[in-house]
C-alpha atoms as a PDB file:
ATOM      1  CA  MET A   1       0.048  -0.384   0.069  1.00  0.00           C
ATOM      2  CA  LEU A   2       0.917   3.136  -1.205  1.00  0.00           C
ATOM      3  CA  CYS A   3       0.996   6.374   1.198  1.00  0.00           C
ATOM      4  CA  PRO A   4       1.080   9.601  -1.060  1.00  0.00           C
ATOM      5  CA  ILE A   5       2.121  11.830   1.661  1.00  0.00           C
ATOM      6  CA  ASN A   6       4.652  13.139  -0.653  1.00  0.00           C
ATOM      7  CA  SER A   7       1.492  14.547  -2.480  1.00  0.00           C
ATOM      8  CA  VAL A   8       1.761  17.071   0.748  1.00  0.00           C
ATOM      9  CA  LYS A   9       4.818  18.418  -0.228  1.00  0.00           C
ATOM     10  CA  LEU A  10       3.954  18.270  -4.325  1.00  0.00           C
ATOM     11  CA  LEU A  11       0.592  20.282  -3.193  1.00  0.00           C
ATOM     12  CA  ASN A  12       2.581  22.773  -0.416  1.00  0.00           C
ATOM     13  CA  LYS A  13       4.940  23.726  -3.044  1.00  0.00           C
ATOM     14  CA  ILE A  14       2.144  24.389  -5.805  1.00  0.00           C
ATOM     15  CA  ASN A  15       1.008  26.636  -3.354  1.00  0.00           C
ATOM     16  CA  ASN A  16       4.179  28.716  -2.895  1.00  0.00           C
ATOM     17  CA  LEU A  17       4.654  29.250  -6.576  1.00  0.00           C
ATOM     18  CA  ARG A  18       3.970  33.140  -7.171  1.00  0.00           C
ATOM     19  CA  ILE A  19       4.440  32.927 -11.148  1.00  0.00           C
ATOM     20  CA  ILE A  20       1.766  31.134 -12.063  1.00  0.00           C
ATOM     21  CA  GLY A  21      -1.903  32.524 -11.891  1.00  0.00           C
ATOM     22  CA  GLN A  22      -4.281  32.016  -9.481  1.00  0.00           C
ATOM     23  CA  GLY A  23      -6.674  30.481 -11.963  1.00  0.00           C
ATOM     24  CA  THR A  24      -4.211  28.348 -13.192  1.00  0.00           C
ATOM     25  CA  LEU A  25      -3.100  27.319  -9.742  1.00  0.00           C
ATOM     26  CA  LEU A  26      -6.533  26.291  -8.769  1.00  0.00           C
ATOM     27  CA  LEU A  27      -6.826  24.271 -12.039  1.00  0.00           C
ATOM     28  CA  ILE A  28      -3.444  22.483 -11.019  1.00  0.00           C
ATOM     29  CA  ARG A  29      -5.400  21.905  -7.656  1.00  0.00           C
ATOM     30  CA  GLY A  30      -8.136  20.634  -9.175  1.00  0.00           C
ATOM     31  CA  LEU A  31      -6.881  17.847 -11.866  1.00  0.00           C
ATOM     32  CA  LEU A  32      -4.267  16.337  -9.349  1.00  0.00           C
ATOM     33  CA  THR A  33      -7.465  16.135  -6.626  1.00  0.00           C
ATOM     34  CA  TYR A  34      -9.814  15.013  -9.507  1.00  0.00           C
ATOM     35  CA  CYS A  35      -6.943  12.218 -10.442  1.00  0.00           C
ATOM     36  CA  LYS A  36      -6.825  11.515  -6.810  1.00  0.00           C
ATOM     37  CA  ILE A  37      -3.754  12.130  -5.567  1.00  0.00           C
ATOM     38  CA  PHE A  38      -4.529  14.325  -2.873  1.00  0.00           C
ATOM     39  CA  SER A  39      -7.205  11.088  -1.473  1.00  0.00           C
ATOM     40  CA  MET A  40      -5.903  11.570   2.251  1.00  0.00           C
ATOM     41  CA  LEU A  41      -8.044  13.536   5.063  1.00  0.00           C
ATOM     42  CA  LYS A  42      -5.556  14.664   7.892  1.00  0.00           C
ATOM     43  CA  ILE A  43      -6.396  13.969  11.068  1.00  0.00           C
ATOM     44  CA  PRO A  44      -6.391  15.983  14.070  1.00  0.00           C
ATOM     45  CA  GLU A  45      -3.829  16.507  16.531  1.00  0.00           C
ATOM     46  CA  HIS A  46      -4.440  15.783  20.381  1.00  0.00           C
ATOM     47  CA  GLY A  47      -2.647  18.518  22.448  1.00  0.00           C
ATOM     48  CA  TYR A  48      -0.517  16.461  24.292  1.00  0.00           C
ATOM     49  CA  CYS A  49      -0.645  12.693  22.781  1.00  0.00           C
ATOM     50  CA  PHE A  50       2.974  11.862  22.419  1.00  0.00           C
ATOM     51  CA  VAL A  51       2.825  10.826  19.696  1.00  0.00           C
ATOM     52  CA  CYS A  52       0.707  13.351  17.483  1.00  0.00           C
ATOM     53  CA  GLY A  53       0.130  15.833  19.552  1.00  0.00           C
ATOM     54  CA  ILE A  54       1.985  19.506  18.798  1.00  0.00           C
ATOM     55  CA  SER A  55       1.837  20.610  22.237  1.00  0.00           C
ATOM     56  CA  SER A  56       4.125  17.462  23.930  1.00  0.00           C
ATOM     57  CA  LYS A  57       7.539  18.908  23.517  1.00  0.00           C
ATOM     58  CA  LYS A  58       9.757  15.416  23.649  1.00  0.00           C
ATOM     59  CA  GLY A  59       7.010  13.544  22.165  1.00  0.00           C
ATOM     60  CA  LEU A  60       7.048  12.589  17.833  1.00  0.00           C
ATOM     61  CA  ASN A  61       4.521  15.452  16.840  1.00  0.00           C
ATOM     62  CA  ALA A  62       3.567  12.957  13.980  1.00  0.00           C
ATOM     63  CA  THR A  63       1.034  13.697  11.524  1.00  0.00           C
ATOM     64  CA  LEU A  64      -1.324  11.351  10.327  1.00  0.00           C
ATOM     65  CA  PHE A  65      -3.669  10.659   7.629  1.00  0.00           C
ATOM     66  CA  LEU A  66      -6.921   8.488   6.797  1.00  0.00           C
ATOM     67  CA  MET A  67      -6.583   7.654   3.413  1.00  0.00           C
ATOM     68  CA  ASP A  68      -9.813   6.703   0.671  1.00  0.00           C
ATOM     69  CA  ASP A  69      -9.607   2.906   1.613  1.00  0.00           C
ATOM     70  CA  LYS A  70      -9.737   3.963   5.215  1.00  0.00           C
ATOM     71  CA  SER A  71      -6.470   3.278   6.165  1.00  0.00           C
ATOM     72  CA  VAL A  72      -4.284   5.639   8.642  1.00  0.00           C
ATOM     73  CA  CYS A  73      -0.949   6.475   7.051  1.00  0.00           C
ATOM     74  CA  CYS A  74       2.019   8.424   8.515  1.00  0.00           C
ATOM     75  CA  GLU A  75       5.232   9.486   6.747  1.00  0.00           C
ATOM     76  CA  TYR A  76       7.668  10.105   9.656  1.00  0.00           C
ATOM     77  CA  GLU A  77      11.391  10.567  10.282  1.00  0.00           C
ATOM     78  CA  PHE A  78      13.010   9.127  13.712  1.00  0.00           C
ATOM     79  CA  ASP A  79      15.548  11.552  15.005  1.00  0.00           C
ATOM     80  CA  ILE A  80      18.802  10.558  17.338  1.00  0.00           C
ATOM     81  CA  ASN A  81      16.096  11.748  20.238  1.00  0.00           C
ATOM     82  CA  PHE A  82      14.266   8.338  19.772  1.00  0.00           C
ATOM     83  CA  GLN A  83      17.883   6.279  19.697  1.00  0.00           C
ATOM     84  CA  GLY A  84      17.574   2.861  20.666  1.00  0.00           C
ATOM     85  CA  PRO A  85      20.837   0.551  19.283  1.00  0.00           C
ATOM     86  CA  PRO A  86      23.267   3.282  17.842  1.00  0.00           C
ATOM     87  CA  GLY A  87      22.094   4.438  14.587  1.00  0.00           C
ATOM     88  CA  PHE A  88      18.504   3.031  14.853  1.00  0.00           C
ATOM     89  CA  VAL A  89      15.271   3.845  16.430  1.00  0.00           C
ATOM     90  CA  HIS A  90      14.131   2.393  20.048  1.00  0.00           C
ATOM     91  CA  GLY A  91      11.594  -0.138  19.945  1.00  0.00           C
ATOM     92  CA  ALA A  92       9.401   1.506  22.163  1.00  0.00           C
ATOM     93  CA  ALA A  93       8.995   4.890  19.843  1.00  0.00           C
ATOM     94  CA  SER A  94       8.374   2.540  16.345  1.00  0.00           C
ATOM     95  CA  PHE A  95       6.342   0.728  18.643  1.00  0.00           C
ATOM     96  CA  SER A  96       4.219   3.850  20.179  1.00  0.00           C
ATOM     97  CA  LEU A  97       3.923   5.031  16.153  1.00  0.00           C
ATOM     98  CA  LEU A  98       2.086   2.198  15.389  1.00  0.00           C
ATOM     99  CA  ASP A  99       0.000   1.849  18.212  1.00  0.00           C
ATOM    100  CA  GLU A 100      -1.136   5.217  17.445  1.00  0.00           C
ATOM    101  CA  VAL A 101      -2.059   4.641  13.431  1.00  0.00           C
ATOM    102  CA  MET A 102      -3.202   1.356  14.294  1.00  0.00           C
ATOM    103  CA  GLY A 103      -6.046   3.380  17.026  1.00  0.00           C
ATOM    104  CA  ILE A 104      -6.404   5.934  14.635  1.00  0.00           C
ATOM    105  CA  CYS A 105      -7.598   3.887  12.398  1.00  0.00           C
ATOM    106  CA  ALA A 106     -10.082   1.973  14.413  1.00  0.00           C
ATOM    107  CA  TRP A 107     -11.252   5.327  16.031  1.00  0.00           C
ATOM    108  CA  SER A 108     -11.690   7.046  12.431  1.00  0.00           C
ATOM    109  CA  ASN A 109     -13.431   3.894  11.060  1.00  0.00           C
ATOM    110  CA  GLY A 110     -15.945   4.991  13.980  1.00  0.00           C
ATOM    111  CA  TYR A 111     -15.173   2.175  16.644  1.00  0.00           C
ATOM    112  CA  ASN A 112     -14.734   3.791  19.971  1.00  0.00           C
ATOM    113  CA  VAL A 113     -12.191   1.517  21.519  1.00  0.00           C
ATOM    114  CA  LEU A 114      -8.897   1.041  23.318  1.00  0.00           C
ATOM    115  CA  LEU A 115      -6.292  -1.397  22.862  1.00  0.00           C
ATOM    116  CA  ARG A 116      -6.415  -4.929  24.263  1.00  0.00           C
ATOM    117  CA  HIS A 117      -3.665  -6.533  23.120  1.00  0.00           C
ATOM    118  CA  MET A 118      -1.251  -6.128  20.757  1.00  0.00           C
ATOM    119  CA  ASP A 119       1.095  -9.123  18.607  1.00  0.00           C
ATOM    120  CA  ILE A 120       4.443  -6.894  17.194  1.00  0.00           C
ATOM    121  CA  GLU A 121       7.094  -8.689  15.190  1.00  0.00           C
ATOM    122  CA  TYR A 122      11.024  -6.821  14.845  1.00  0.00           C
ATOM    123  CA  PHE A 123      12.356  -7.961  10.865  1.00  0.00           C
ATOM    124  CA  LYS A 124      14.790  -5.205  11.134  1.00  0.00           C
ATOM    125  CA  MET A 125      15.694  -2.190  12.630  1.00  0.00           C
ATOM    126  CA  VAL A 126      14.341   0.892  11.955  1.00  0.00           C
ATOM    127  CA  PRO A 127      17.281   3.563  11.068  1.00  0.00           C
ATOM    128  CA  LEU A 128      17.393   7.103  12.243  1.00  0.00           C
ATOM    129  CA  TYR A 129      16.773   9.801   9.535  1.00  0.00           C
ATOM    130  CA  LYS A 130      15.289   7.455   7.196  1.00  0.00           C
ATOM    131  CA  ARG A 131      11.682   8.393   6.178  1.00  0.00           C
ATOM    132  CA  ILE A 132       9.557   5.324   7.076  1.00  0.00           C
ATOM    133  CA  LYS A 133       5.456   4.940   6.463  1.00  0.00           C
ATOM    134  CA  ALA A 134       3.434   3.594   9.562  1.00  0.00           C
ATOM    135  CA  ILE A 135      -0.061   2.088   7.976  1.00  0.00           C
ATOM    136  CA  GLY A 136      -2.694   1.178  10.360  1.00  0.00           C
ATOM    137  CA  ARG A 137      -6.023  -0.948   8.552  1.00  0.00           C
ATOM    138  CA  ILE A 138      -8.593  -2.715   9.886  1.00  0.00           C
ATOM    139  CA  GLU A 139      -8.293  -6.716   9.498  1.00  0.00           C
ATOM    140  CA  LYS A 140     -11.601  -7.807  10.445  1.00  0.00           C
ATOM    141  CA  VAL A 141     -14.274  -6.917  13.472  1.00  0.00           C
ATOM    142  CA  GLU A 142     -16.268  -9.845  15.350  1.00  0.00           C
ATOM    143  CA  GLU A 143     -19.115 -10.367  17.337  1.00  0.00           C
ATOM    144  CA  ASN A 144     -19.215  -6.331  16.754  1.00  0.00           C
ATOM    145  CA  LYS A 145     -17.552  -5.334  19.415  1.00  0.00           C
ATOM    146  CA  LYS A 146     -13.941  -7.268  19.040  1.00  0.00           C
ATOM    147  CA  ILE A 147     -11.740  -5.254  16.363  1.00  0.00           C
ATOM    148  CA  PHE A 148      -8.557  -6.681  14.904  1.00  0.00           C
ATOM    149  CA  VAL A 149      -6.043  -4.016  12.955  1.00  0.00           C
ATOM    150  CA  ILE A 150      -2.947  -4.678  11.661  1.00  0.00           C
ATOM    151  CA  GLY A 151       0.132  -2.331  11.420  1.00  0.00           C
ATOM    152  CA  GLU A 152       3.333  -2.026   9.741  1.00  0.00           C
ATOM    153  CA  ILE A 153       6.176  -0.148   9.460  1.00  0.00           C
ATOM    154  CA  VAL A 154       7.540   0.036   5.978  1.00  0.00           C
ATOM    155  CA  TYR A 155      10.964   1.789   4.480  1.00  0.00           C
ATOM    156  CA  GLU A 156      11.951   0.940   1.105  1.00  0.00           C
ATOM    157  CA  ASN A 157       8.920  -1.041   0.242  1.00  0.00           C
ATOM    158  CA  GLU A 158      10.350  -2.987   2.935  1.00  0.00           C
ATOM    159  CA  VAL A 159       8.314  -4.698   5.752  1.00  0.00           C
ATOM    160  CA  TYR A 160      10.426  -3.838   9.392  1.00  0.00           C
ATOM    161  CA  ILE A 161       8.078  -3.757  11.461  1.00  0.00           C
ATOM    162  CA  ARG A 162       4.358  -5.902  11.485  1.00  0.00           C
ATOM    163  CA  ALA A 163       1.814  -5.530  14.137  1.00  0.00           C
ATOM    164  CA  ARG A 164      -1.978  -6.762  14.918  1.00  0.00           C
ATOM    165  CA  GLY A 165      -4.064  -5.417  17.727  1.00  0.00           C
ATOM    166  CA  LEU A 166      -7.040  -6.552  19.350  1.00  0.00           C
ATOM    167  CA  TYR A 167      -9.204  -3.425  19.601  1.00  0.00           C
ATOM    168  CA  ILE A 168     -12.314  -3.725  22.186  1.00  0.00           C
ATOM    169  CA  LEU A 169     -15.193  -1.488  21.999  1.00  0.00           C
ATOM    170  CA  VAL A 170     -15.829   0.286  25.079  1.00  0.00           C
ATOM    171  CA  GLU A 171     -18.931   2.447  25.830  1.00  0.00           C
ATOM    172  CA  ASN A 172     -19.369   6.193  25.501  1.00  0.00           C
ATOM    173  CA  GLU A 173     -19.142   6.955  29.614  1.00  0.00           C
ATOM    174  CA  LEU A 174     -16.011   5.348  30.138  1.00  0.00           C
ATOM    175  CA  LEU A 175     -14.225   7.245  27.572  1.00  0.00           C
ATOM    176  CA  GLY A 176     -15.229  10.820  28.777  1.00  0.00           C
ATOM    177  CA  ASN A 177     -12.471  13.566  27.160  1.00  0.00           C
ATOM    178  CA  VAL A 178     -11.451  10.771  24.938  1.00  0.00           C
ATOM    179  CA  LYS A 179     -14.598  10.587  22.873  1.00  0.00           C
ATOM    180  CA  LYS A 180     -14.210  14.584  22.292  1.00  0.00           C
ATOM    181  CA  VAL A 181     -11.234  14.857  20.996  1.00  0.00           C
ATOM    182  CA  PHE A 182     -11.838  12.089  18.133  1.00  0.00           C
ATOM    183  CA  ILE A 183     -15.439  12.289  17.233  1.00  0.00           C
ATOM    184  CA  ASP A 184     -16.327  16.083  17.986  1.00  0.00           C
ATOM    185  CA  THR A 185     -13.111  17.185  15.823  1.00  0.00           C
END
């Protein structure tokens, strides 16, 4: 699965062009949207969330997107602050990113869930300062309360980490402010 986050960079460059007229700019953006290059919706950040919150000074500050196929995707580059073995990402940091894309995938698909259990396989160490893709997608739903989500961290079209999570639907009363962040935004 491809995560066209680079199209966001392309869109930003197109928006910054000053040499073409506004009408031409709108035409280019419209054509790219029509061609499904920009077929994603940015997920709102969550304040002090370690992974996606912009208020968290020590967090990842990752940006996640809901794709047309209902998966959630994020391109990210880990820096030295998330090092485990020299030159590579700490397993807990990569786990955090996967947990976020998988959980947000369930929430974005209308399931009010909390993680119950996750299995994770580390195939290769994730290098620092390389642009990786984290992808989460719903695998299946059982008994209308068990949501199974698959997550992968991919670098250069190779899966470095794969996870499978079991998320459980929870009652709205238990969620409090959590529901406001995901549903009301």
